[in-house]
Protein backbone atom coordinates (compact mmCIF):
# COMPACT_ATOMS: atom_id res chain seq x y z
CA MET A 1 143.50 215.92 16.19
CA THR A 2 146.19 216.80 13.64
CA ARG A 3 145.10 215.26 10.34
CA ILE A 4 147.68 216.65 7.92
CA LEU A 5 151.28 215.78 8.69
CA GLY A 6 154.28 213.93 7.34
CA ASP A 7 156.82 212.86 9.95
CA PRO A 8 155.40 213.97 13.33
CA ASP A 9 158.91 214.85 14.50
CA ALA A 10 159.28 217.23 11.54
CA PHE A 11 155.85 218.84 11.96
CA VAL A 12 157.16 222.22 13.14
CA ALA A 13 159.90 222.41 10.49
CA ASP A 14 157.42 221.46 7.77
CA ALA A 15 154.87 224.01 8.99
CA LEU A 16 157.43 226.82 9.18
CA ARG A 17 158.74 225.98 5.71
CA GLY A 18 155.24 226.17 4.26
CA PHE A 19 154.44 229.34 6.21
CA ALA A 20 157.56 231.10 4.93
CA ARG A 21 156.78 230.12 1.35
CA ALA A 22 153.19 231.30 1.65
CA HIS A 23 154.32 234.68 3.01
CA ARG A 24 157.66 235.09 1.27
CA ASP A 25 157.03 238.80 0.73
CA GLN A 26 156.77 239.34 4.50
CA VAL A 27 159.04 236.85 6.26
CA SER A 28 162.29 234.99 5.72
CA LEU A 29 162.93 231.55 7.19
CA ILE A 30 166.11 231.02 9.20
CA ASP A 31 167.29 228.17 11.39
CA GLY A 32 165.31 228.80 14.55
CA GLY A 33 162.36 230.81 13.33
CA VAL A 34 161.52 233.68 10.99
CA VAL A 35 162.51 237.34 10.57
CA ARG A 36 161.07 240.13 8.46
CA ALA A 37 161.75 239.85 4.76
CA GLN A 38 162.67 243.56 4.76
CA PRO A 39 165.36 244.19 7.40
CA LEU A 40 164.88 246.90 10.00
CA ALA A 41 166.24 250.36 9.38
CA ARG A 42 169.64 250.80 10.96
CA GLY A 43 169.43 251.85 14.61
CA LYS A 44 165.93 250.54 15.32
CA VAL A 45 165.11 248.25 18.21
CA ALA A 46 164.46 244.63 17.22
CA VAL A 47 161.49 243.27 19.16
CA LEU A 48 161.82 239.48 19.23
CA ILE A 49 159.02 237.19 20.34
CA GLY A 50 158.82 233.45 20.62
CA GLY A 51 158.12 230.22 22.41
CA GLY A 52 156.92 226.76 21.54
CA SER A 53 154.98 226.07 18.37
CA GLY A 54 151.36 224.94 18.26
CA HIS A 55 149.92 228.41 18.92
CA TYR A 56 149.59 229.93 15.44
CA PRO A 57 149.24 232.81 14.71
CA ALA A 58 151.65 233.10 17.64
CA PHE A 59 154.49 233.40 17.06
CA ALA A 60 155.55 233.51 13.42
CA GLY A 61 152.29 235.13 12.31
CA PHE A 62 153.10 238.28 14.30
CA VAL A 63 156.32 239.20 12.49
CA GLY A 64 156.01 242.45 10.58
CA PRO A 65 155.90 246.25 10.89
CA GLY A 66 154.24 247.41 14.09
CA LEU A 67 154.86 244.02 15.65
CA ALA A 68 157.95 241.82 15.90
CA ALA A 69 161.18 241.89 13.94
CA GLY A 70 161.50 238.14 14.35
CA ALA A 71 160.02 235.08 16.05
CA VAL A 72 161.93 232.22 17.65
CA CYS A 73 159.94 229.01 17.18
CA GLY A 74 160.51 225.90 19.30
CA ASN A 75 158.98 222.47 18.94
CA ILE A 76 155.33 221.90 19.83
CA PHE A 77 154.68 223.37 23.30
CA THR A 78 158.45 223.40 23.93
CA SER A 79 160.59 226.46 24.43
CA PRO A 80 163.13 227.16 21.70
CA SER A 81 166.79 226.66 22.48
CA THR A 82 169.35 229.32 23.32
CA ALA A 83 171.05 228.70 19.99
CA GLN A 84 167.80 229.29 18.11
CA ALA A 85 167.21 232.56 19.96
CA LEU A 86 170.75 233.69 19.16
CA ARG A 87 170.41 232.92 15.46
CA VAL A 88 167.16 234.87 15.18
CA ALA A 89 168.60 237.74 17.22
CA HIS A 90 171.69 238.06 15.02
CA ALA A 91 169.54 237.94 11.89
CA ALA A 92 167.17 240.66 13.15
CA ASP A 93 169.62 242.95 14.93
CA ALA A 94 169.80 246.45 13.42
CA GLY A 95 172.04 248.05 16.02
CA GLY A 96 169.33 249.60 18.20
CA GLY A 97 169.25 246.81 20.75
CA ILE A 98 167.14 243.68 21.14
CA LEU A 99 164.05 243.26 23.30
CA PHE A 100 162.94 239.70 23.95
CA THR A 101 159.33 239.46 25.09
CA PHE A 102 157.45 236.22 25.70
CA GLY A 103 155.13 234.44 28.10
CA ARG A 104 156.63 233.54 31.46
CA TYR A 105 157.37 229.84 31.18
CA ALA A 106 160.38 228.24 32.85
CA GLY A 107 162.03 226.89 29.70
CA ASP A 108 161.58 230.15 27.81
CA VAL A 109 162.99 232.13 30.74
CA ILE A 110 166.09 229.92 30.87
CA HIS A 111 166.82 229.75 27.13
CA PHE A 112 166.04 233.38 26.29
CA GLY A 113 167.85 234.47 29.44
CA GLU A 114 171.01 232.69 28.37
CA ALA A 115 170.67 234.17 24.87
CA GLN A 116 170.38 237.63 26.44
CA ARG A 117 173.51 236.99 28.53
CA ARG A 118 175.54 235.91 25.50
CA LEU A 119 174.35 238.85 23.39
CA ARG A 120 175.35 241.27 26.12
CA ALA A 121 178.75 239.60 26.32
CA ASP A 122 179.10 240.33 22.61
CA GLY A 123 178.30 244.00 23.16
CA ILE A 124 174.64 243.92 22.04
CA ASP A 125 172.13 245.65 24.31
CA ALA A 126 169.65 242.83 24.92
CA ARG A 127 166.77 242.99 27.39
CA THR A 128 163.68 240.99 28.34
CA VAL A 129 160.07 241.76 29.29
CA LEU A 130 158.15 238.75 30.59
CA ILE A 131 154.41 238.56 29.93
CA THR A 132 152.23 237.50 32.85
CA ASP A 133 148.60 238.12 31.91
CA ASP A 134 146.90 234.85 32.97
CA VAL A 135 144.89 235.54 36.14
CA ALA A 136 144.19 231.83 36.72
CA SER A 137 147.85 230.88 37.09
CA ALA A 138 148.60 232.80 40.31
CA PRO A 139 146.81 235.19 42.70
CA PRO A 140 147.32 238.97 42.48
CA GLU A 141 149.93 238.94 45.25
CA LEU A 142 152.05 236.63 43.06
CA LEU A 143 151.53 238.64 39.89
CA ASP A 144 155.10 238.14 38.63
CA GLU A 145 154.67 234.35 38.76
CA ARG A 146 151.75 234.28 36.35
CA ARG A 147 152.12 232.76 32.88
CA GLY A 148 151.45 234.43 29.55
CA ILE A 149 148.50 233.51 27.34
CA ALA A 150 146.57 235.53 24.73
CA GLY A 151 147.53 238.85 26.32
CA ILE A 152 150.94 238.42 24.71
CA LEU A 153 149.46 240.02 21.57
CA CYS A 154 148.88 243.28 23.46
CA VAL A 155 152.50 243.47 24.58
CA PHE A 156 153.81 242.42 21.16
CA HIS A 157 151.91 245.22 19.43
CA ILE A 158 152.69 247.91 22.01
CA ALA A 159 156.41 247.09 21.91
CA GLY A 160 156.44 246.68 18.14
CA ALA A 161 154.62 249.95 17.50
CA ALA A 162 156.99 251.80 19.82
CA ALA A 163 160.00 250.32 18.04
CA GLU A 164 158.45 251.12 14.65
CA ARG A 165 158.18 254.84 15.43
CA GLY A 166 161.85 254.88 16.44
CA ASP A 167 161.70 254.81 20.24
CA SER A 168 164.89 253.96 22.12
CA ILE A 169 165.30 250.55 23.70
CA ASP A 170 164.75 252.17 27.11
CA GLU A 171 161.34 253.41 25.97
CA VAL A 172 160.38 250.20 24.16
CA GLU A 173 161.24 248.19 27.27
CA ARG A 174 159.31 250.58 29.54
CA LEU A 175 156.21 250.56 27.36
CA ALA A 176 156.22 246.79 26.96
CA ALA A 177 156.43 246.41 30.73
CA LEU A 178 153.63 248.96 31.18
CA ALA A 179 151.43 247.09 28.73
CA ASN A 180 152.06 243.83 30.54
CA SER A 181 151.22 245.39 33.90
CA ARG A 182 147.82 246.50 32.55
CA THR A 183 146.91 243.30 30.64
CA ARG A 184 144.78 240.50 32.10
CA SER A 185 143.46 237.28 30.51
CA HIS A 186 141.18 234.43 31.54
CA GLY A 187 140.34 231.29 29.56
CA VAL A 188 138.05 228.29 29.34
CA ALA A 189 138.35 224.91 27.62
CA PHE A 190 135.64 222.53 26.44
CA ALA A 191 137.99 219.80 25.16
CA GLY A 192 141.73 219.13 25.15
CA CYS A 193 144.18 219.24 22.25
CA THR A 194 146.09 216.45 20.53
CA LEU A 195 149.80 216.53 19.71
CA PRO A 196 150.72 215.77 16.06
CA GLY A 197 150.88 212.01 15.61
CA ALA A 198 149.21 211.28 18.98
CA ASP A 199 146.10 209.13 19.27
CA GLU A 200 144.36 210.95 22.09
CA ALA A 201 144.03 214.41 23.60
CA LEU A 202 146.32 215.58 26.38
CA PHE A 203 143.33 215.96 28.68
CA ALA A 204 139.57 215.47 28.60
CA VAL A 205 136.84 217.68 30.01
CA PRO A 206 133.96 215.75 31.62
CA GLU A 207 130.70 215.66 29.70
CA GLY A 208 128.57 218.72 30.37
CA GLN A 209 131.48 220.55 31.99
CA MET A 210 133.98 223.24 31.03
CA SER A 211 137.49 223.73 32.38
CA ILE A 212 138.21 227.22 33.75
CA GLY A 213 141.72 228.66 33.74
CA LEU A 214 143.29 226.59 30.98
CA GLY A 215 146.90 226.89 29.81
CA ILE A 216 147.96 227.18 26.19
CA HIS A 217 150.32 224.19 26.25
CA GLY A 218 147.71 221.50 26.60
CA GLU A 219 147.34 221.98 30.34
CA PRO A 220 143.82 221.47 31.68
CA GLY A 221 142.06 224.22 33.59
CA VAL A 222 142.33 224.76 37.31
CA ARG A 223 138.72 223.68 37.93
CA ASP A 224 135.81 222.09 36.07
CA VAL A 225 132.34 223.64 36.29
CA PRO A 226 129.04 223.01 34.48
CA LEU A 227 128.69 224.48 31.00
CA GLN A 228 127.27 228.00 30.97
CA ALA A 229 125.17 229.97 28.51
CA ALA A 230 127.09 232.70 26.67
CA PRO A 231 125.94 235.62 28.89
CA ASP A 232 127.02 233.71 32.00
CA LEU A 233 130.30 232.62 30.42
CA ALA A 234 131.06 236.25 29.55
CA ALA A 235 130.48 237.18 33.20
CA THR A 236 132.64 234.29 34.43
CA LEU A 237 135.56 235.27 32.22
CA LEU A 238 135.22 238.97 33.02
CA ALA A 239 134.90 238.71 36.79
CA PRO A 240 138.60 238.34 37.71
CA LEU A 241 139.63 240.83 35.04
CA LEU A 242 137.30 243.49 36.40
CA ALA A 243 138.47 242.70 39.92
CA GLU A 244 141.97 243.84 38.91
CA ARG A 245 140.86 246.94 37.03
CA PRO A 246 143.42 249.72 37.60
CA GLU A 247 142.17 252.75 39.45
CA GLY A 248 140.66 255.29 37.07
CA ALA A 249 140.75 252.96 34.03
CA GLU A 250 137.78 253.64 31.74
CA ARG A 251 139.00 252.35 28.36
CA ALA A 252 140.13 248.87 27.36
CA ALA A 253 141.29 246.98 24.33
CA VAL A 254 139.35 243.71 24.25
CA ILE A 255 140.45 240.43 22.68
CA VAL A 256 138.22 237.38 22.45
CA ASN A 257 140.56 234.60 21.37
CA GLY A 258 139.77 231.16 20.01
CA LEU A 259 142.02 228.31 21.12
CA GLY A 260 141.77 226.24 17.94
CA SER A 261 138.43 224.63 17.22
CA VAL A 262 135.77 227.00 18.56
CA LYS A 263 134.27 228.56 15.46
CA TYR A 264 134.27 232.28 14.76
CA GLU A 265 130.49 232.55 15.01
CA GLU A 266 130.68 231.21 18.57
CA LEU A 267 133.44 233.67 19.39
CA TYR A 268 131.31 236.53 18.11
CA VAL A 269 128.42 235.40 20.29
CA LEU A 270 130.70 235.51 23.32
CA PHE A 271 132.20 238.84 22.24
CA GLY A 272 128.79 240.48 22.04
CA PHE A 273 127.92 239.55 25.61
CA VAL A 274 131.36 240.64 26.84
CA VAL A 275 130.86 244.09 25.32
CA ASP A 276 127.34 244.30 26.78
CA GLN A 277 128.73 243.82 30.27
CA LEU A 278 131.67 246.17 29.77
CA GLU A 279 129.34 248.91 28.60
CA ARG A 280 127.16 248.39 31.66
CA GLU A 281 130.33 248.88 33.72
CA GLY A 282 130.97 252.19 31.94
CA ILE A 283 134.05 250.90 30.11
CA GLU A 284 134.77 252.15 26.59
CA VAL A 285 135.93 249.38 24.23
CA VAL A 286 138.75 250.57 21.96
CA GLU A 287 139.60 248.79 18.68
CA PRO A 288 138.69 245.27 19.85
CA GLU A 289 139.78 242.00 18.24
CA CYS A 290 137.83 238.76 17.91
CA GLY A 291 139.33 235.66 16.31
CA GLU A 292 142.26 233.27 16.67
CA PHE A 293 145.47 234.86 17.93
CA VAL A 294 147.06 232.45 20.42
CA THR A 295 145.82 228.90 19.89
CA SER A 296 146.65 225.53 21.41
CA LEU A 297 146.60 223.20 18.38
CA ASP A 298 143.02 221.92 18.12
CA MET A 299 141.87 222.75 21.64
CA ALA A 300 138.20 223.66 21.99
CA GLY A 301 138.28 226.78 24.10
CA ALA A 302 138.34 230.55 24.26
CA SER A 303 139.99 233.27 26.29
CA LEU A 304 139.23 236.88 27.08
CA THR A 305 141.88 239.59 27.38
CA LEU A 306 141.59 243.19 28.56
CA LEU A 307 144.37 245.73 28.09
CA TRP A 308 143.51 248.69 30.29
CA LEU A 309 144.49 251.73 28.24
CA ASP A 310 145.91 255.08 29.16
CA ASP A 311 146.76 257.79 26.62
CA GLU A 312 150.20 256.51 25.61
CA LEU A 313 149.11 252.87 25.42
CA GLU A 314 146.04 253.77 23.37
CA GLU A 315 148.20 255.62 20.85
CA LEU A 316 150.32 252.53 20.38
CA TRP A 317 147.43 250.03 20.43
CA THR A 318 145.71 251.92 17.62
CA ALA A 319 148.95 252.29 15.62
CA PRO A 320 149.27 250.40 12.31
CA ALA A 321 150.52 246.82 12.19
CA SER A 322 151.02 244.51 9.24
CA SER A 323 151.97 240.85 9.55
CA PRO A 324 150.78 237.59 7.99
CA ALA A 325 148.18 237.13 10.73
CA PHE A 326 147.46 240.56 12.20
CA ARG A 327 146.69 243.83 10.46
CA LYS A 328 145.61 247.12 11.93
CA GLY A 329 145.40 250.48 10.14
CA ALA A 330 147.65 251.32 7.21
CA PHE A 331 151.21 252.53 6.87
CA ALA A 332 151.72 255.76 4.92
CA GLY A 333 154.50 254.24 2.84
CA PRO A 334 156.72 251.18 2.70
CA ALA A 335 156.62 249.84 6.20
CA ALA A 336 159.98 250.79 7.61
CA ALA A 337 161.84 248.82 4.99
CA ALA A 338 165.55 249.50 4.94
CA THR A 339 167.52 249.39 1.74
CA THR A 340 170.91 249.27 3.45
CA ALA A 341 170.42 247.28 6.62
CA ARG A 342 173.23 245.32 8.23
CA THR A 343 173.94 242.14 6.33
CA HIS A 344 173.67 239.12 8.56
CA VAL A 345 176.64 236.82 8.41
CA GLU A 346 176.15 233.29 9.62
CA PRO A 347 178.74 232.28 12.20
CA ASP A 348 181.63 230.14 11.02
CA VAL A 349 180.62 226.59 11.90
CA ARG A 350 183.80 224.90 10.72
CA SER A 351 185.12 222.51 13.31
CA ALA A 352 187.55 224.09 15.74
CA PRO A 353 190.77 222.19 16.53
CA VAL A 354 190.22 219.53 19.18
CA PRO A 355 191.83 220.76 22.43
CA PRO A 356 194.56 218.43 23.67
CA ALA A 357 193.27 215.90 26.19
CA THR A 358 195.03 213.49 28.50
CA ALA A 359 194.76 209.75 27.96
CA ALA A 360 192.53 209.56 31.03
CA SER A 361 190.23 212.25 29.64
CA ARG A 362 189.96 210.51 26.29
CA SER A 363 189.17 207.22 28.01
CA ALA A 364 186.54 208.93 30.19
CA ALA A 365 185.01 210.39 27.02
CA GLY A 366 184.57 206.85 25.72
CA THR A 367 182.82 205.95 28.97
CA ALA A 368 180.57 208.98 28.64
CA ARG A 369 179.60 207.93 25.10
CA ARG A 370 178.61 204.47 26.30
CA LEU A 371 176.63 205.78 29.25
CA LEU A 372 174.77 208.32 27.13
CA THR A 373 173.74 205.48 24.85
CA ARG A 374 172.54 203.43 27.83
CA ALA A 375 170.55 206.43 29.07
CA ARG A 376 168.92 206.91 25.69
CA GLU A 377 167.87 203.26 25.58
CA ALA A 378 166.39 203.51 29.07
CA ILE A 379 164.43 206.67 28.28
CA ALA A 380 163.21 205.20 24.97
CA ALA A 381 161.70 202.30 26.89
CA GLN A 382 159.88 204.66 29.27
CA ALA A 383 159.04 207.60 26.98
CA ASP A 384 155.32 206.85 26.81
CA HIS A 385 155.10 206.46 30.58
CA LEU A 386 156.89 209.78 31.09
CA GLY A 387 154.51 211.44 28.65
CA ARG A 388 151.49 210.18 30.58
CA LEU A 389 152.96 211.46 33.84
CA ASP A 390 153.58 214.85 32.29
CA ALA A 391 150.03 215.04 30.92
CA VAL A 392 148.57 214.92 34.43
CA ALA A 393 149.40 218.59 35.02
CA GLY A 394 151.41 219.56 31.95
CA ASP A 395 151.54 219.19 28.20
CA GLY A 396 152.50 215.51 27.96
CA ASP A 397 155.70 215.98 25.97
CA HIS A 398 158.33 215.15 28.61
CA GLY A 399 159.05 211.66 27.32
CA ILE A 400 159.27 212.81 23.71
CA GLY A 401 161.47 215.75 24.67
CA MET A 402 163.84 213.68 26.79
CA LEU A 403 164.24 211.09 24.04
CA ARG A 404 164.79 213.78 21.44
CA GLY A 405 167.43 215.48 23.58
CA LEU A 406 169.26 212.30 24.51
CA SER A 407 169.28 211.11 20.92
CA ALA A 408 170.85 214.39 19.83
CA ALA A 409 173.41 214.17 22.64
CA VAL A 410 174.36 210.62 21.67
CA ASP A 411 174.66 211.51 17.99
CA ALA A 412 176.79 214.56 18.75
CA ALA A 413 179.04 212.60 21.09
CA ASP A 414 179.47 209.80 18.54
CA ALA A 415 180.34 212.34 15.85
CA ALA A 416 183.01 214.00 17.99
CA ASP A 417 186.66 213.40 17.13
CA GLU A 418 188.15 210.30 18.71
CA GLY A 419 190.75 212.49 20.41
CA THR A 420 188.11 214.53 22.24
CA GLY A 421 188.40 214.60 26.01
CA VAL A 422 185.52 214.18 28.42
CA ARG A 423 185.31 217.92 29.15
CA GLU A 424 184.74 218.82 25.51
CA LEU A 425 182.61 215.76 24.79
CA LEU A 426 180.12 216.57 27.55
CA GLN A 427 179.97 220.19 26.36
CA ILE A 428 179.22 219.00 22.82
CA ALA A 429 176.58 216.55 24.04
CA GLY A 430 175.01 219.13 26.36
CA ASP A 431 174.79 221.74 23.61
CA ALA A 432 173.13 219.22 21.30
CA TRP A 433 170.65 218.18 24.00
CA SER A 434 169.68 221.76 24.77
CA GLU A 435 169.45 222.74 21.09
CA THR A 436 167.29 219.81 20.05
CA ALA A 437 165.06 219.23 23.06
CA GLY A 438 164.43 222.84 24.03
CA GLY A 439 162.10 223.29 26.97
CA THR A 440 163.07 223.45 30.63
CA SER A 441 164.44 219.93 30.79
CA GLY A 442 166.55 220.47 27.67
CA ALA A 443 168.11 223.60 29.15
CA LEU A 444 168.76 221.95 32.52
CA TRP A 445 170.20 218.70 31.21
CA GLY A 446 172.32 220.52 28.63
CA ALA A 447 173.73 222.83 31.28
CA ALA A 448 174.28 219.93 33.70
CA LEU A 449 176.33 217.93 31.19
CA ALA A 450 178.41 220.98 30.34
CA ARG A 451 179.07 221.73 34.01
CA MET A 452 180.05 218.10 34.65
CA GLY A 453 182.54 218.35 31.83
CA GLU A 454 184.00 221.56 33.21
CA SER A 455 184.30 219.96 36.64
CA LEU A 456 185.99 216.82 35.38
CA GLY A 457 188.47 218.72 33.22
CA SER A 458 191.41 216.85 31.74
CA PRO A 459 193.63 215.51 34.55
CA GLU A 460 196.13 212.68 34.30
CA ALA A 461 193.78 210.41 36.27
CA PHE A 462 190.23 210.45 37.63
CA SER A 463 189.07 209.36 41.07
CA SER A 464 185.66 208.53 42.46
CA ALA A 465 185.82 211.83 44.31
CA ASP A 466 186.17 213.64 40.97
CA VAL A 467 182.95 212.04 39.71
CA ALA A 468 181.10 212.87 42.94
CA ARG A 469 182.29 216.47 42.74
CA ALA A 470 181.14 216.73 39.10
CA VAL A 471 177.69 215.49 40.10
CA ALA A 472 177.53 218.05 42.91
CA ASP A 473 178.52 220.82 40.48
CA ALA A 474 175.85 219.70 38.00
CA ARG A 475 173.26 219.73 40.78
CA SER A 476 174.26 223.29 41.70
CA ARG A 477 173.97 224.41 38.09
CA ILE A 478 170.48 222.93 37.75
CA ALA A 479 169.36 224.63 40.96
CA GLU A 480 170.87 227.92 39.79
CA LEU A 481 169.14 227.84 36.41
CA GLY A 482 165.80 226.42 37.49
CA GLY A 483 165.48 228.37 40.73
CA ALA A 484 163.94 225.36 42.50
CA ASP A 485 164.60 223.88 45.94
CA LEU A 486 164.11 220.45 47.44
CA GLY A 487 160.40 219.89 48.00
CA ASP A 488 159.29 221.94 44.99
CA LYS A 489 158.39 218.74 43.11
CA THR A 490 161.05 218.98 40.42
CA MET A 491 163.96 216.86 39.23
CA LEU A 492 165.98 218.30 42.15
CA ASP A 493 164.01 216.04 44.48
CA ALA A 494 165.73 213.08 42.82
CA ILE A 495 169.07 214.78 42.13
CA GLY A 496 169.51 215.86 45.75
CA PRO A 497 169.34 212.34 47.26
CA PHE A 498 171.49 210.98 44.40
CA ASP A 499 174.19 213.60 44.96
CA GLU A 500 174.22 213.21 48.73
CA ARG A 501 174.25 209.40 48.71
CA LEU A 502 176.98 209.28 46.06
CA ALA A 503 179.19 211.68 48.01
CA ALA A 504 178.62 209.75 51.24
CA GLY A 505 179.48 206.43 49.58
CA VAL A 506 182.67 207.79 48.07
CA ARG A 507 183.73 209.31 51.40
CA ALA A 508 183.10 205.95 53.07
CA GLY A 509 185.50 204.27 50.64
CA ALA A 510 182.95 202.44 48.47
CA GLY A 511 183.92 201.69 44.89
CA LEU A 512 182.38 203.95 42.29
CA SER A 513 180.10 201.23 40.88
CA GLU A 514 178.75 200.41 44.34
CA ALA A 515 178.33 204.09 45.24
CA LEU A 516 176.48 204.78 41.98
CA SER A 517 174.09 201.87 42.51
CA ASP A 518 173.31 203.04 46.03
CA ALA A 519 172.84 206.62 44.83
CA ALA A 520 170.53 205.53 42.00
CA ALA A 521 168.32 203.76 44.55
CA ALA A 522 168.19 206.97 46.58
CA ALA A 523 167.21 208.90 43.44
CA ARG A 524 164.32 206.52 42.84
CA THR A 525 163.14 206.92 46.42
CA GLY A 526 163.33 210.69 46.01
CA ALA A 527 161.42 210.58 42.73
CA ASP A 528 158.72 208.35 44.18
CA ALA A 529 158.35 210.71 47.14
CA THR A 530 157.33 213.55 44.82
CA ALA A 531 153.95 211.85 44.38
CA ALA A 532 152.97 213.27 47.79
CA MET A 533 154.15 216.79 46.90
CA THR A 534 152.44 219.66 45.13
CA PRO A 535 154.49 221.60 42.56
CA ARG A 536 155.71 225.09 43.40
CA ARG A 537 157.53 225.67 40.11
CA GLY A 538 156.87 225.33 36.40
CA ARG A 539 153.72 224.80 34.36
CA ALA A 540 152.32 222.24 36.79
CA ARG A 541 152.06 224.75 39.66
CA PRO A 542 148.61 226.13 38.68
CA LEU A 543 147.34 222.53 38.64
CA ALA A 544 148.96 221.51 41.90
CA GLU A 545 146.06 219.44 43.22
CA ARG A 546 145.81 217.40 40.02
CA SER A 547 149.42 216.29 40.37
CA LEU A 548 148.95 214.86 43.87
CA GLY A 549 149.48 211.11 43.82
CA HIS A 550 151.64 211.24 40.71
CA PRO A 551 155.46 211.50 40.77
CA ASP A 552 157.15 214.37 39.01
CA PRO A 553 158.12 213.41 35.44
CA GLY A 554 161.45 215.26 35.63
CA ALA A 555 162.44 213.49 38.83
CA THR A 556 161.30 210.19 37.35
CA SER A 557 163.33 210.59 34.16
CA PHE A 558 166.37 211.49 36.27
CA TRP A 559 166.29 208.26 38.24
CA ILE A 560 165.70 206.25 35.05
CA ILE A 561 168.87 207.77 33.61
CA VAL A 562 171.06 207.35 36.69
CA ASP A 563 169.80 203.81 37.12
CA ALA A 564 171.00 203.09 33.58
CA VAL A 565 174.33 204.74 34.40
CA ALA A 566 174.68 202.69 37.57
CA ARG A 567 173.94 199.49 35.68
CA GLY A 568 176.80 200.46 33.39
CA GLY A 569 179.09 200.88 36.37
CA ASP A 570 181.46 198.20 35.07
CA THR A 571 182.67 200.74 32.52
CA PHE A 572 184.12 202.96 35.27
CA GLU A 573 187.65 202.23 36.29
CA GLU A 574 189.39 203.89 39.21
CA GLY A 575 192.31 205.95 37.96
CA GLU A 576 190.83 206.20 34.46
């Protein structure tokens, strides 16, 4: 468990502040993560890495020459927001383009993807290489759906070394993708990890067992098996990696990675038996690494990574790197420090003039404020329950994340000018939700609120049909961003019935309050029905069988919120 902390909600900020002070000669702290203390030389590619915190040395520990130009750091096990990614990107940009590279997790894909879109709109060449090294998370035929675990270090160093020697963004992107295609990882857990301030671990491994195929966000493994002696464990971890050995591959970079509380001596025992077996297979081990590189707080576990090398990958893997947590070789001189790099200018955050809004839009904004407050109160009452649901096949932070996001949305809405219309108010609240909560749910709820605001606009009067259309538009936006369908065991399984029942009630002439109440009941039925489903999206997918019998936390939190909205139906007035 985490024993040293102040306010649990400030754990990541406190850790980053201390990290930046401890390594002030190497990194600079900005709002959203860290960048190199010495800016990149003008024209170089900025390789940016990132994800949720709780994995140190990933991600901040890998910022430096031969590695990343910056790291975007979200809350514990939660993807950073789009705004965080943009701030780090602008701080690190040297004019040669930006390459985002990170493990394939839904929230990261959404937030970094939106950051990439906005950077491109501003004329910055931004690209992404997803890392998919975890063999336990999907079969070979679904290679692109795998998640990223400790193999991210291989891609970070290959991309960073290529950028360091001055390669173009086309080459850096190509080499990062090549490294990912030839990297495989497999892990095992002996005990779960505990979130800062929590009283118990996110999962437990039965006595005398070990959990094969763990995730790095507190997810349990895909199956539990009896504990094995080190030689057998080495064989177990290697088997699926060797099964996907590229044709003709005879050299490999090897990483034995500790997840948090397995001691180095134990890791070295495992490493020795791994090398024994690789040598028997005729595989040459090139510049291996053994230690902690991608952890999961205090999880007891280890993972094994192989990067199958060819000539160009070997040249980059053996190239120098220098960061707070990873060093390899030595640079001939000052490591690519630039004396005249572009000066980063923080964006002007002064309040823009409030766009004119109709009386109806201002009144609807007041309604939105009240309903957001009701939703926050409802989620606060169920946050622990939502966390327990999420821990069945995830990292257990859904309740905390939803409450954090809703609280930020309420605060932002309350701080908005009294003359703000509902369109602008929902955009403000959505941006605050996404920024503060991060993760998949933060991105989806933030985008949904913003889309509802766009749909409602600022007319002279609102009708029930306007509200139903805004809900339908929000549903479409969530489906577009998340890529899920009905039956995938996601929040869409509650949103779909809610949207359809609301539209049907409005068409039938029901009052908005009555239609909302009926739709909220349909959302609950839809959420409850997810207990019989297995997930086909998100972090829970590799643990599909574990989630059977338990409703989806995202669908559950949706019906809790719309139920609170429906109970506040007296605040809606036709013609408002």
